[in-house]
Amino acid sequence: MEEEGTQKVDHQEPAPSVEEKGKVEEEKAPKDVNEEKAVIPPPEQKVVPAVNEKVADIAVIKSTEGSVDRDALLAQVTTEKRFALIKAWEESEKTKADNKAYKKLSAVGSWENSHKASVEAQLKKIEEKFDKKKAEYAEKMKNKVADLHKEAEEKRATIDAKRREEFLKVEETASKFRASGYIPKKILGCFSY
């Protein structure tokens, strides 16, 4: 009977040892770290996978050493988990800083564009104003030129009228001299008798 009892014990699955419990906890720990690591990446950055290499190294160390103190393994796992959480926090803060800077840069860009458009509108308004004044002054100058031309024509006309009057006077005087037979004393101003 004792043999049968021992045989029954042999056929039952042995209880998990301390190492196996550590492996089971270790396998669960990387999944937790990866789940906590999931951070929404910024548009230009990619998320680097969490500390999978270190977890794989721990599994190799466990399998080769045989009996490793459970507390040491748990401490190592919690340390790596802490480092993974710190790294995730760091990436999150960097992403926040990038997003904040991008938002501020966008605000500065839109501010610059709006003010630039305002200044360009003012410049265009001033140019239109100057063009209008320039057209008005050009019109005034053309009117002045036309007035000067008109005045000059009037002066020419009066001078021409005086010249014709003098011609008529001279012709009348010459005809009187011819009729009377009188010779004028001054033919030319420099040849006087």
N, C-alpha and C. Protein backbone atom coordinates (compact mmCIF):
# COMPACT_ATOMS: atom_id res chain seq x y z
N MET A 1 0.80 -1.17 0.00
CA MET A 1 0.00 0.00 0.00
C MET A 1 0.85 1.24 0.00
N GLU A 2 1.95 1.14 0.71
CA GLU A 2 2.80 2.31 0.72
C GLU A 2 3.32 2.62 -0.67
N GLU A 3 3.54 1.57 -1.41
CA GLU A 3 4.02 1.80 -2.76
C GLU A 3 2.94 2.46 -3.59
N GLU A 4 1.70 2.02 -3.36
CA GLU A 4 0.63 2.62 -4.11
C GLU A 4 0.47 4.09 -3.70
N GLY A 5 0.63 4.39 -2.43
CA GLY A 5 0.51 5.76 -1.95
C GLY A 5 1.61 6.63 -2.53
N THR A 6 2.81 6.07 -2.60
CA THR A 6 3.89 6.85 -3.18
C THR A 6 3.70 7.02 -4.66
N GLN A 7 3.11 5.99 -5.25
CA GLN A 7 2.87 6.10 -6.68
C GLN A 7 1.85 7.19 -6.97
N LYS A 8 0.85 7.27 -6.10
CA LYS A 8 -0.17 8.30 -6.29
C LYS A 8 0.44 9.69 -6.16
N VAL A 9 1.36 9.83 -5.22
CA VAL A 9 2.00 11.11 -5.02
C VAL A 9 2.86 11.43 -6.23
N ASP A 10 3.52 10.42 -6.78
CA ASP A 10 4.38 10.65 -7.93
C ASP A 10 3.56 11.07 -9.15
N HIS A 11 2.35 10.55 -9.25
CA HIS A 11 1.55 10.86 -10.42
C HIS A 11 0.92 12.26 -10.33
N GLN A 12 0.79 12.81 -9.15
CA GLN A 12 0.25 14.15 -9.01
C GLN A 12 1.29 15.16 -9.46
N GLU A 13 0.81 16.29 -9.95
CA GLU A 13 1.74 17.33 -10.38
C GLU A 13 2.36 17.97 -9.16
N PRO A 14 3.67 18.16 -9.20
CA PRO A 14 4.33 18.76 -8.05
C PRO A 14 3.91 20.22 -7.91
N ALA A 15 3.91 20.72 -6.68
CA ALA A 15 3.57 22.11 -6.39
C ALA A 15 4.65 23.00 -6.99
N PRO A 16 4.27 24.15 -7.49
CA PRO A 16 5.27 25.03 -8.10
C PRO A 16 6.30 25.47 -7.06
N SER A 17 7.53 25.46 -7.48
CA SER A 17 8.61 25.87 -6.59
C SER A 17 8.70 27.40 -6.55
N VAL A 18 9.62 27.90 -5.72
CA VAL A 18 9.81 29.34 -5.58
C VAL A 18 10.28 29.93 -6.90
N GLU A 19 11.13 29.21 -7.63
CA GLU A 19 11.63 29.71 -8.92
C GLU A 19 10.51 29.85 -9.93
N GLU A 20 9.66 28.82 -9.98
CA GLU A 20 8.57 28.84 -10.94
C GLU A 20 7.59 29.97 -10.63
N LYS A 21 7.33 30.20 -9.33
CA LYS A 21 6.45 31.31 -8.95
C LYS A 21 7.06 32.64 -9.39
N GLY A 22 8.37 32.76 -9.24
CA GLY A 22 9.07 33.98 -9.67
C GLY A 22 8.96 34.18 -11.17
N LYS A 23 9.06 33.03 -11.93
CA LYS A 23 8.94 33.13 -13.39
C LYS A 23 7.54 33.57 -13.79
N VAL A 24 6.53 33.02 -13.12
CA VAL A 24 5.15 33.39 -13.43
C VAL A 24 4.94 34.87 -13.15
N GLU A 25 5.42 35.36 -12.00
CA GLU A 25 5.29 36.78 -11.67
C GLU A 25 6.09 37.64 -12.64
N GLU A 26 7.24 37.11 -13.03
CA GLU A 26 8.09 37.85 -13.97
C GLU A 26 7.42 37.98 -15.32
N GLU A 27 6.77 36.91 -15.77
CA GLU A 27 6.08 36.96 -17.05
C GLU A 27 4.93 37.95 -17.00
N LYS A 28 4.27 38.07 -15.87
CA LYS A 28 3.18 39.03 -15.71
C LYS A 28 3.71 40.46 -15.64
N ALA A 29 4.82 40.67 -15.01
CA ALA A 29 5.38 42.00 -14.81
C ALA A 29 5.68 42.71 -16.13
N PRO A 30 6.35 42.07 -17.12
CA PRO A 30 6.61 42.80 -18.37
C PRO A 30 5.33 43.22 -19.06
N LYS A 31 4.27 42.44 -18.97
CA LYS A 31 3.01 42.83 -19.60
C LYS A 31 2.47 44.08 -18.93
N ASP A 32 2.57 44.15 -17.60
CA ASP A 32 2.11 45.34 -16.89
C ASP A 32 2.92 46.56 -17.30
N VAL A 33 4.23 46.35 -17.41
CA VAL A 33 5.10 47.46 -17.79
C VAL A 33 4.75 47.93 -19.19
N ASN A 34 4.51 47.02 -20.12
CA ASN A 34 4.17 47.41 -21.48
C ASN A 34 2.83 48.12 -21.53
N GLU A 35 1.86 47.64 -20.71
CA GLU A 35 0.57 48.30 -20.70
C GLU A 35 0.68 49.71 -20.13
N GLU A 36 1.46 49.90 -19.08
CA GLU A 36 1.63 51.21 -18.48
C GLU A 36 2.47 52.12 -19.37
N LYS A 37 3.29 51.54 -20.21
CA LYS A 37 4.20 52.28 -21.08
C LYS A 37 3.46 52.93 -22.24
N ALA A 38 2.29 52.42 -22.59
CA ALA A 38 1.57 52.90 -23.76
C ALA A 38 1.25 54.39 -23.60
N VAL A 39 1.97 55.22 -24.33
CA VAL A 39 1.80 56.67 -24.32
C VAL A 39 1.51 57.09 -25.75
N ILE A 40 0.60 58.02 -25.92
CA ILE A 40 0.28 58.47 -27.26
C ILE A 40 1.48 59.25 -27.78
N PRO A 41 2.07 58.78 -28.89
CA PRO A 41 3.26 59.46 -29.41
C PRO A 41 2.88 60.76 -30.10
N PRO A 42 3.77 61.75 -30.07
CA PRO A 42 3.52 62.98 -30.83
C PRO A 42 3.61 62.64 -32.31
N PRO A 43 3.13 63.51 -33.18
CA PRO A 43 3.08 63.20 -34.59
C PRO A 43 4.43 62.86 -35.21
N GLU A 44 5.52 63.40 -34.69
CA GLU A 44 6.81 63.20 -35.30
C GLU A 44 7.66 62.16 -34.59
N GLN A 45 7.23 61.65 -33.42
CA GLN A 45 8.06 60.75 -32.65
C GLN A 45 7.44 59.36 -32.62
N LYS A 46 8.29 58.36 -32.40
CA LYS A 46 7.83 56.99 -32.27
C LYS A 46 8.16 56.51 -30.87
N VAL A 47 7.29 55.66 -30.33
CA VAL A 47 7.52 55.13 -28.99
C VAL A 47 8.46 53.94 -29.10
N VAL A 48 9.50 53.97 -28.31
CA VAL A 48 10.46 52.87 -28.29
C VAL A 48 9.92 51.81 -27.34
N PRO A 49 9.97 50.52 -27.74
CA PRO A 49 9.44 49.50 -26.85
C PRO A 49 10.11 49.55 -25.50
N ALA A 50 9.35 49.17 -24.46
CA ALA A 50 9.87 49.24 -23.09
C ALA A 50 10.95 48.20 -22.89
N VAL A 51 11.35 48.05 -21.70
CA VAL A 51 12.53 47.31 -21.30
C VAL A 51 12.34 45.81 -21.51
N ASN A 52 12.13 45.35 -22.74
CA ASN A 52 11.94 43.92 -23.00
C ASN A 52 13.26 43.17 -22.93
N GLU A 53 14.33 43.81 -23.31
CA GLU A 53 15.64 43.14 -23.30
C GLU A 53 16.05 42.79 -21.88
N LYS A 54 15.82 43.69 -20.94
CA LYS A 54 16.20 43.43 -19.55
C LYS A 54 15.39 42.27 -18.98
N VAL A 55 14.11 42.20 -19.33
CA VAL A 55 13.26 41.12 -18.84
C VAL A 55 13.76 39.80 -19.39
N ALA A 56 14.15 39.78 -20.69
CA ALA A 56 14.68 38.56 -21.28
C ALA A 56 15.97 38.15 -20.59
N ASP A 57 16.82 39.11 -20.23
CA ASP A 57 18.07 38.82 -19.54
C ASP A 57 17.79 38.20 -18.17
N ILE A 58 16.76 38.66 -17.51
CA ILE A 58 16.42 38.12 -16.18
C ILE A 58 16.02 36.67 -16.32
N ALA A 59 15.24 36.34 -17.36
CA ALA A 59 14.82 34.96 -17.56
C ALA A 59 16.02 34.06 -17.80
N VAL A 60 17.01 34.53 -18.54
CA VAL A 60 18.22 33.75 -18.81
C VAL A 60 18.99 33.55 -17.51
N ILE A 61 19.11 34.61 -16.71
CA ILE A 61 19.83 34.52 -15.45
C ILE A 61 19.15 33.51 -14.54
N LYS A 62 17.81 33.51 -14.48
CA LYS A 62 17.09 32.59 -13.61
C LYS A 62 17.31 31.15 -14.04
N SER A 63 17.23 30.93 -15.34
CA SER A 63 17.35 29.55 -15.80
C SER A 63 18.75 29.01 -15.59
N THR A 64 19.77 29.85 -15.62
CA THR A 64 21.14 29.36 -15.46
C THR A 64 21.55 29.24 -14.01
N GLU A 65 21.09 30.11 -13.17
CA GLU A 65 21.53 30.07 -11.78
C GLU A 65 20.81 29.00 -10.98
N GLY A 66 19.61 28.73 -11.33
CA GLY A 66 18.91 27.67 -10.61
C GLY A 66 18.09 28.23 -9.47
N SER A 67 18.70 28.51 -8.33
CA SER A 67 17.95 28.99 -7.17
C SER A 67 18.36 30.44 -6.90
N VAL A 68 17.46 31.33 -7.21
CA VAL A 68 17.71 32.75 -7.00
C VAL A 68 16.74 33.20 -5.93
N ASP A 69 17.22 34.04 -5.09
CA ASP A 69 16.37 34.54 -4.01
C ASP A 69 15.18 35.29 -4.58
N ARG A 70 13.99 34.90 -4.13
CA ARG A 70 12.75 35.48 -4.63
C ARG A 70 12.68 36.97 -4.35
N ASP A 71 13.11 37.42 -3.20
CA ASP A 71 13.07 38.83 -2.87
C ASP A 71 13.96 39.65 -3.78
N ALA A 72 15.12 39.08 -4.13
CA ALA A 72 16.03 39.78 -5.03
C ALA A 72 15.40 39.94 -6.40
N LEU A 73 14.74 38.89 -6.86
CA LEU A 73 14.07 38.98 -8.16
C LEU A 73 12.94 40.00 -8.13
N LEU A 74 12.14 39.96 -7.08
CA LEU A 74 11.05 40.92 -6.97
C LEU A 74 11.58 42.35 -6.90
N ALA A 75 12.67 42.53 -6.16
CA ALA A 75 13.27 43.86 -6.07
C ALA A 75 13.76 44.31 -7.44
N GLN A 76 14.37 43.39 -8.19
CA GLN A 76 14.87 43.72 -9.52
C GLN A 76 13.70 44.06 -10.45
N VAL A 77 12.62 43.27 -10.38
CA VAL A 77 11.46 43.51 -11.22
C VAL A 77 10.83 44.85 -10.88
N THR A 78 10.68 45.14 -9.57
CA THR A 78 10.10 46.43 -9.19
C THR A 78 10.99 47.59 -9.59
N THR A 79 12.30 47.39 -9.52
CA THR A 79 13.23 48.45 -9.95
C THR A 79 13.07 48.71 -11.45
N GLU A 80 13.00 47.64 -12.22
CA GLU A 80 12.84 47.81 -13.67
C GLU A 80 11.49 48.41 -13.99
N LYS A 81 10.48 48.00 -13.23
CA LYS A 81 9.15 48.58 -13.43
C LYS A 81 9.18 50.08 -13.12
N ARG A 82 9.86 50.44 -12.03
CA ARG A 82 9.99 51.84 -11.66
C ARG A 82 10.72 52.61 -12.75
N PHE A 83 11.82 52.03 -13.27
CA PHE A 83 12.56 52.69 -14.35
C PHE A 83 11.69 52.84 -15.59
N ALA A 84 10.90 51.81 -15.90
CA ALA A 84 10.01 51.88 -17.06
C ALA A 84 8.97 52.97 -16.86
N LEU A 85 8.43 53.05 -15.65
CA LEU A 85 7.44 54.10 -15.36
C LEU A 85 8.07 55.49 -15.44
N ILE A 86 9.29 55.60 -14.94
CA ILE A 86 10.00 56.89 -15.02
C ILE A 86 10.24 57.26 -16.47
N LYS A 87 10.65 56.27 -17.27
CA LYS A 87 10.90 56.54 -18.69
C LYS A 87 9.60 56.94 -19.39
N ALA A 88 8.50 56.24 -19.04
CA ALA A 88 7.20 56.58 -19.62
C ALA A 88 6.80 58.00 -19.22
N TRP A 89 7.01 58.35 -17.95
CA TRP A 89 6.71 59.70 -17.49
C TRP A 89 7.56 60.72 -18.25
N GLU A 90 8.85 60.40 -18.40
CA GLU A 90 9.76 61.30 -19.10
C GLU A 90 9.30 61.53 -20.54
N GLU A 91 8.93 60.44 -21.23
CA GLU A 91 8.45 60.57 -22.61
C GLU A 91 7.16 61.39 -22.65
N SER A 92 6.29 61.15 -21.67
CA SER A 92 5.03 61.89 -21.61
C SER A 92 5.29 63.38 -21.41
N GLU A 93 6.19 63.72 -20.50
CA GLU A 93 6.51 65.14 -20.25
C GLU A 93 7.17 65.78 -21.46
N LYS A 94 8.03 65.02 -22.14
CA LYS A 94 8.66 65.56 -23.36
C LYS A 94 7.60 65.81 -24.42
N THR A 95 6.66 64.88 -24.54
CA THR A 95 5.59 65.05 -25.50
C THR A 95 4.75 66.27 -25.15
N LYS A 96 4.44 66.44 -23.87
CA LYS A 96 3.69 67.62 -23.44
C LYS A 96 4.44 68.90 -23.78
N ALA A 97 5.76 68.89 -23.51
CA ALA A 97 6.57 70.08 -23.80
C ALA A 97 6.58 70.36 -25.30
N ASP A 98 6.72 69.29 -26.11
CA ASP A 98 6.71 69.47 -27.57
C ASP A 98 5.37 70.04 -28.03
N ASN A 99 4.29 69.47 -27.51
CA ASN A 99 2.95 69.95 -27.91
C ASN A 99 2.74 71.40 -27.49
N LYS A 100 3.20 71.73 -26.28
CA LYS A 100 3.06 73.11 -25.79
C LYS A 100 3.86 74.07 -26.67
N ALA A 101 5.09 73.67 -27.00
CA ALA A 101 5.93 74.52 -27.86
C ALA A 101 5.31 74.65 -29.24
N TYR A 102 4.80 73.55 -29.78
CA TYR A 102 4.17 73.58 -31.10
C TYR A 102 2.96 74.51 -31.09
N LYS A 103 2.17 74.44 -30.02
CA LYS A 103 1.00 75.30 -29.90
C LYS A 103 1.41 76.77 -29.85
N LYS A 104 2.45 77.06 -29.05
CA LYS A 104 2.91 78.45 -28.95
C LYS A 104 3.49 78.94 -30.27
N LEU A 105 4.25 78.06 -30.96
CA LEU A 105 4.81 78.43 -32.26
C LEU A 105 3.70 78.69 -33.27
N SER A 106 2.65 77.87 -33.22
CA SER A 106 1.50 78.10 -34.11
C SER A 106 0.84 79.43 -33.80
N ALA A 107 0.71 79.73 -32.50
CA ALA A 107 0.09 81.00 -32.11
C ALA A 107 0.94 82.18 -32.59
N VAL A 108 2.25 82.06 -32.45
CA VAL A 108 3.15 83.14 -32.91
C VAL A 108 3.05 83.28 -34.43
N GLY A 109 3.00 82.15 -35.13
CA GLY A 109 2.87 82.20 -36.59
C GLY A 109 1.59 82.86 -37.04
N SER A 110 0.48 82.51 -36.39
CA SER A 110 -0.79 83.13 -36.77
C SER A 110 -0.81 84.61 -36.39
N TRP A 111 -0.22 84.96 -35.24
CA TRP A 111 -0.11 86.37 -34.84
C TRP A 111 0.68 87.14 -35.89
N GLU A 112 1.82 86.56 -36.30
CA GLU A 112 2.66 87.22 -37.30
C GLU A 112 1.89 87.40 -38.60
N ASN A 113 1.20 86.36 -39.05
CA ASN A 113 0.47 86.45 -40.31
C ASN A 113 -0.65 87.50 -40.24
N SER A 114 -1.36 87.55 -39.12
CA SER A 114 -2.45 88.52 -39.02
C SER A 114 -1.90 89.95 -38.99
N HIS A 115 -0.83 90.17 -38.23
CA HIS A 115 -0.25 91.51 -38.17
C HIS A 115 0.38 91.89 -39.51
N LYS A 116 0.99 90.91 -40.16
CA LYS A 116 1.58 91.17 -41.47
C LYS A 116 0.50 91.58 -42.46
N ALA A 117 -0.63 90.88 -42.43
CA ALA A 117 -1.75 91.21 -43.31
C ALA A 117 -2.28 92.60 -42.99
N SER A 118 -2.35 92.94 -41.71
CA SER A 118 -2.82 94.26 -41.31
C SER A 118 -1.89 95.36 -41.83
N VAL A 119 -0.60 95.15 -41.67
CA VAL A 119 0.38 96.14 -42.13
C VAL A 119 0.33 96.26 -43.65
N GLU A 120 0.20 95.12 -44.34
CA GLU A 120 0.13 95.17 -45.80
C GLU A 120 -1.14 95.90 -46.25
N ALA A 121 -2.24 95.72 -45.51
CA ALA A 121 -3.48 96.43 -45.84
C ALA A 121 -3.30 97.94 -45.64
N GLN A 122 -2.63 98.31 -44.54
CA GLN A 122 -2.36 99.74 -44.30
C GLN A 122 -1.48 100.30 -45.39
N LEU A 123 -0.45 99.54 -45.78
CA LEU A 123 0.45 99.99 -46.84
C LEU A 123 -0.31 100.18 -48.15
N LYS A 124 -1.19 99.22 -48.46
CA LYS A 124 -1.98 99.32 -49.68
C LYS A 124 -2.89 100.55 -49.63
N LYS A 125 -3.48 100.79 -48.45
CA LYS A 125 -4.36 101.95 -48.27
C LYS A 125 -3.57 103.24 -48.49
N ILE A 126 -2.37 103.31 -47.90
CA ILE A 126 -1.52 104.50 -48.06
C ILE A 126 -1.12 104.67 -49.52
N GLU A 127 -0.76 103.56 -50.17
CA GLU A 127 -0.38 103.65 -51.58
C GLU A 127 -1.56 104.15 -52.43
N GLU A 128 -2.76 103.65 -52.13
CA GLU A 128 -3.94 104.12 -52.86
C GLU A 128 -4.16 105.61 -52.61
N LYS A 129 -3.96 106.02 -51.36
CA LYS A 129 -4.12 107.43 -51.00
C LYS A 129 -3.11 108.28 -51.78
N PHE A 130 -1.84 107.82 -51.81
CA PHE A 130 -0.81 108.56 -52.55
C PHE A 130 -1.11 108.56 -54.04
N ASP A 131 -1.58 107.42 -54.55
CA ASP A 131 -1.93 107.38 -55.98
C ASP A 131 -3.05 108.36 -56.29
N LYS A 132 -4.02 108.43 -55.38
CA LYS A 132 -5.13 109.37 -55.57
C LYS A 132 -4.62 110.81 -55.55
N LYS A 133 -3.77 111.12 -54.54
CA LYS A 133 -3.20 112.47 -54.45
C LYS A 133 -2.34 112.76 -55.66
N LYS A 134 -1.58 111.75 -56.09
CA LYS A 134 -0.72 111.93 -57.26
C LYS A 134 -1.57 112.25 -58.49
N ALA A 135 -2.69 111.53 -58.63
CA ALA A 135 -3.59 111.79 -59.76
C ALA A 135 -4.18 113.19 -59.66
N GLU A 136 -4.56 113.59 -58.42
CA GLU A 136 -5.11 114.94 -58.24
C GLU A 136 -4.07 116.00 -58.58
N TYR A 137 -2.85 115.83 -58.09
CA TYR A 137 -1.78 116.79 -58.38
C TYR A 137 -1.45 116.80 -59.87
N ALA A 138 -1.46 115.62 -60.49
CA ALA A 138 -1.20 115.57 -61.93
C ALA A 138 -2.29 116.33 -62.68
N GLU A 139 -3.53 116.17 -62.25
CA GLU A 139 -4.64 116.89 -62.88
C GLU A 139 -4.47 118.40 -62.67
N LYS A 140 -4.09 118.80 -61.44
CA LYS A 140 -3.85 120.22 -61.18
C LYS A 140 -2.74 120.77 -62.06
N MET A 141 -1.66 120.00 -62.19
CA MET A 141 -0.53 120.46 -63.01
C MET A 141 -0.94 120.56 -64.47
N LYS A 142 -1.73 119.58 -64.94
CA LYS A 142 -2.21 119.67 -66.33
C LYS A 142 -3.09 120.90 -66.52
N ASN A 143 -3.93 121.17 -65.51
CA ASN A 143 -4.77 122.37 -65.59
C ASN A 143 -3.92 123.63 -65.59
N LYS A 144 -2.86 123.65 -64.75
CA LYS A 144 -1.96 124.81 -64.73
C LYS A 144 -1.28 124.98 -66.07
N VAL A 145 -0.81 123.86 -66.63
CA VAL A 145 -0.14 123.92 -67.95
C VAL A 145 -1.13 124.44 -68.99
N ALA A 146 -2.36 123.95 -68.92
CA ALA A 146 -3.39 124.42 -69.88
C ALA A 146 -3.66 125.91 -69.67
N ASP A 147 -3.73 126.34 -68.40
CA ASP A 147 -3.94 127.77 -68.13
C ASP A 147 -2.77 128.61 -68.64
N LEU A 148 -1.54 128.13 -68.39
CA LEU A 148 -0.35 128.84 -68.89
C LEU A 148 -0.37 128.92 -70.41
N HIS A 149 -0.72 127.83 -71.04
CA HIS A 149 -0.77 127.81 -72.50
C HIS A 149 -1.83 128.80 -73.01
N LYS A 150 -2.97 128.83 -72.32
CA LYS A 150 -4.04 129.76 -72.70
C LYS A 150 -3.58 131.21 -72.53
N GLU A 151 -2.92 131.48 -71.38
CA GLU A 151 -2.40 132.83 -71.14
C GLU A 151 -1.36 133.22 -72.19
N ALA A 152 -0.48 132.27 -72.50
CA ALA A 152 0.55 132.56 -73.50
C ALA A 152 -0.09 132.84 -74.85
N GLU A 153 -1.14 132.07 -75.22
CA GLU A 153 -1.84 132.32 -76.49
C GLU A 153 -2.49 133.70 -76.48
N GLU A 154 -3.06 134.05 -75.34
CA GLU A 154 -3.68 135.39 -75.25
C GLU A 154 -2.62 136.46 -75.40
N LYS A 155 -1.48 136.29 -74.73
CA LYS A 155 -0.41 137.29 -74.85
C LYS A 155 0.11 137.36 -76.28
N ARG A 156 0.26 136.18 -76.91
CA ARG A 156 0.70 136.17 -78.32
C ARG A 156 -0.32 136.90 -79.20
N ALA A 157 -1.58 136.62 -78.90
CA ALA A 157 -2.64 137.26 -79.69
C ALA A 157 -2.61 138.78 -79.52
N THR A 158 -2.43 139.26 -78.27
CA THR A 158 -2.36 140.71 -78.05
C THR A 158 -1.13 141.30 -78.72
N ILE A 159 -0.01 140.58 -78.60
CA ILE A 159 1.22 141.09 -79.25
C ILE A 159 1.03 141.13 -80.76
N ASP A 160 0.42 140.10 -81.31
CA ASP A 160 0.19 140.06 -82.76
C ASP A 160 -0.78 141.17 -83.17
N ALA A 161 -1.78 141.42 -82.31
CA ALA A 161 -2.74 142.49 -82.61
C ALA A 161 -2.03 143.85 -82.57
N LYS A 162 -1.17 144.08 -81.59
CA LYS A 162 -0.42 145.34 -81.52
C LYS A 162 0.50 145.47 -82.73
N ARG A 163 1.11 144.38 -83.12
CA ARG A 163 2.01 144.43 -84.29
C ARG A 163 1.22 144.83 -85.53
N ARG A 164 0.04 144.24 -85.72
CA ARG A 164 -0.79 144.61 -86.88
C ARG A 164 -1.24 146.07 -86.80
N GLU A 165 -1.56 146.50 -85.57
CA GLU A 165 -1.94 147.91 -85.41
C GLU A 165 -0.78 148.82 -85.79
N GLU A 166 0.41 148.45 -85.33
CA GLU A 166 1.58 149.27 -85.66
C GLU A 166 1.84 149.24 -87.17
N PHE A 167 1.66 148.05 -87.76
CA PHE A 167 1.81 147.98 -89.22
C PHE A 167 0.81 148.90 -89.92
N LEU A 168 -0.40 148.89 -89.42
CA LEU A 168 -1.42 149.77 -90.02
C LEU A 168 -1.05 151.25 -89.84
N LYS A 169 -0.58 151.58 -88.61
CA LYS A 169 -0.15 152.96 -88.37
C LYS A 169 0.98 153.34 -89.30
N VAL A 170 1.95 152.43 -89.40
CA VAL A 170 3.11 152.72 -90.27
C VAL A 170 2.65 152.86 -91.72
N GLU A 171 1.76 152.00 -92.14
CA GLU A 171 1.27 152.08 -93.53
C GLU A 171 0.48 153.39 -93.75
N GLU A 172 -0.32 153.75 -92.77
CA GLU A 172 -1.06 155.01 -92.88
C GLU A 172 -0.10 156.22 -92.93
N THR A 173 0.89 156.17 -92.02
CA THR A 173 1.86 157.27 -91.99
C THR A 173 2.63 157.31 -93.31
N ALA A 174 3.01 156.16 -93.81
CA ALA A 174 3.75 156.10 -95.08
C ALA A 174 2.89 156.62 -96.22
N SER A 175 1.64 156.31 -96.23
CA SER A 175 0.76 156.80 -97.30
C SER A 175 0.58 158.32 -97.19
N LYS A 176 0.53 158.86 -95.96
CA LYS A 176 0.46 160.31 -95.76
C LYS A 176 1.73 160.97 -96.29
N PHE A 177 2.87 160.34 -95.95
CA PHE A 177 4.13 160.89 -96.44
C PHE A 177 4.18 160.87 -97.95
N ARG A 178 3.68 159.83 -98.53
CA ARG A 178 3.68 159.75 -99.99
C ARG A 178 2.76 160.82 -100.59
N ALA A 179 1.66 160.95 -99.94
CA ALA A 179 0.69 161.93 -100.47
C ALA A 179 1.21 163.37 -100.31
N SER A 180 1.86 163.65 -99.22
CA SER A 180 2.37 165.00 -99.00
C SER A 180 3.76 165.20 -99.58
N GLY A 181 4.47 164.15 -99.82
CA GLY A 181 5.82 164.26 -100.35
C GLY A 181 6.82 164.56 -99.26
N TYR A 182 6.41 164.40 -98.04
CA TYR A 182 7.28 164.68 -96.91
C TYR A 182 8.16 163.47 -96.65
N ILE A 183 9.42 163.71 -96.27
CA ILE A 183 10.38 162.65 -95.96
C ILE A 183 10.52 162.59 -94.44
N PRO A 184 10.36 161.42 -93.90
CA PRO A 184 10.48 161.30 -92.44
C PRO A 184 11.89 161.57 -91.99
N LYS A 185 12.06 162.12 -90.81
CA LYS A 185 13.37 162.49 -90.32
C LYS A 185 14.15 161.28 -89.85
N LYS A 186 13.52 160.35 -89.27
CA LYS A 186 14.24 159.16 -88.78
C LYS A 186 13.86 157.97 -89.65
N ILE A 187 14.79 157.50 -90.45
CA ILE A 187 14.54 156.30 -91.24
C ILE A 187 14.85 155.09 -90.35
N LEU A 188 16.02 155.18 -89.82
CA LEU A 188 16.43 154.16 -88.85
C LEU A 188 16.94 154.92 -87.64
N GLY A 189 16.84 154.31 -86.48
CA GLY A 189 17.23 154.98 -85.25
C GLY A 189 18.69 155.37 -85.27
N CYS A 190 19.55 154.62 -85.92
CA CYS A 190 20.97 154.93 -85.90
C CYS A 190 21.37 155.88 -87.05
N PHE A 191 20.50 155.98 -88.09
CA PHE A 191 20.81 156.88 -89.19
C PHE A 191 19.88 158.09 -89.20
N SER A 192 20.04 158.90 -88.30
CA SER A 192 19.16 160.09 -88.28
C SER A 192 19.94 161.27 -88.84
N TYR A 193 19.25 162.27 -89.46
CA TYR A 193 19.89 163.42 -90.10
C TYR A 193 20.09 164.49 -89.13
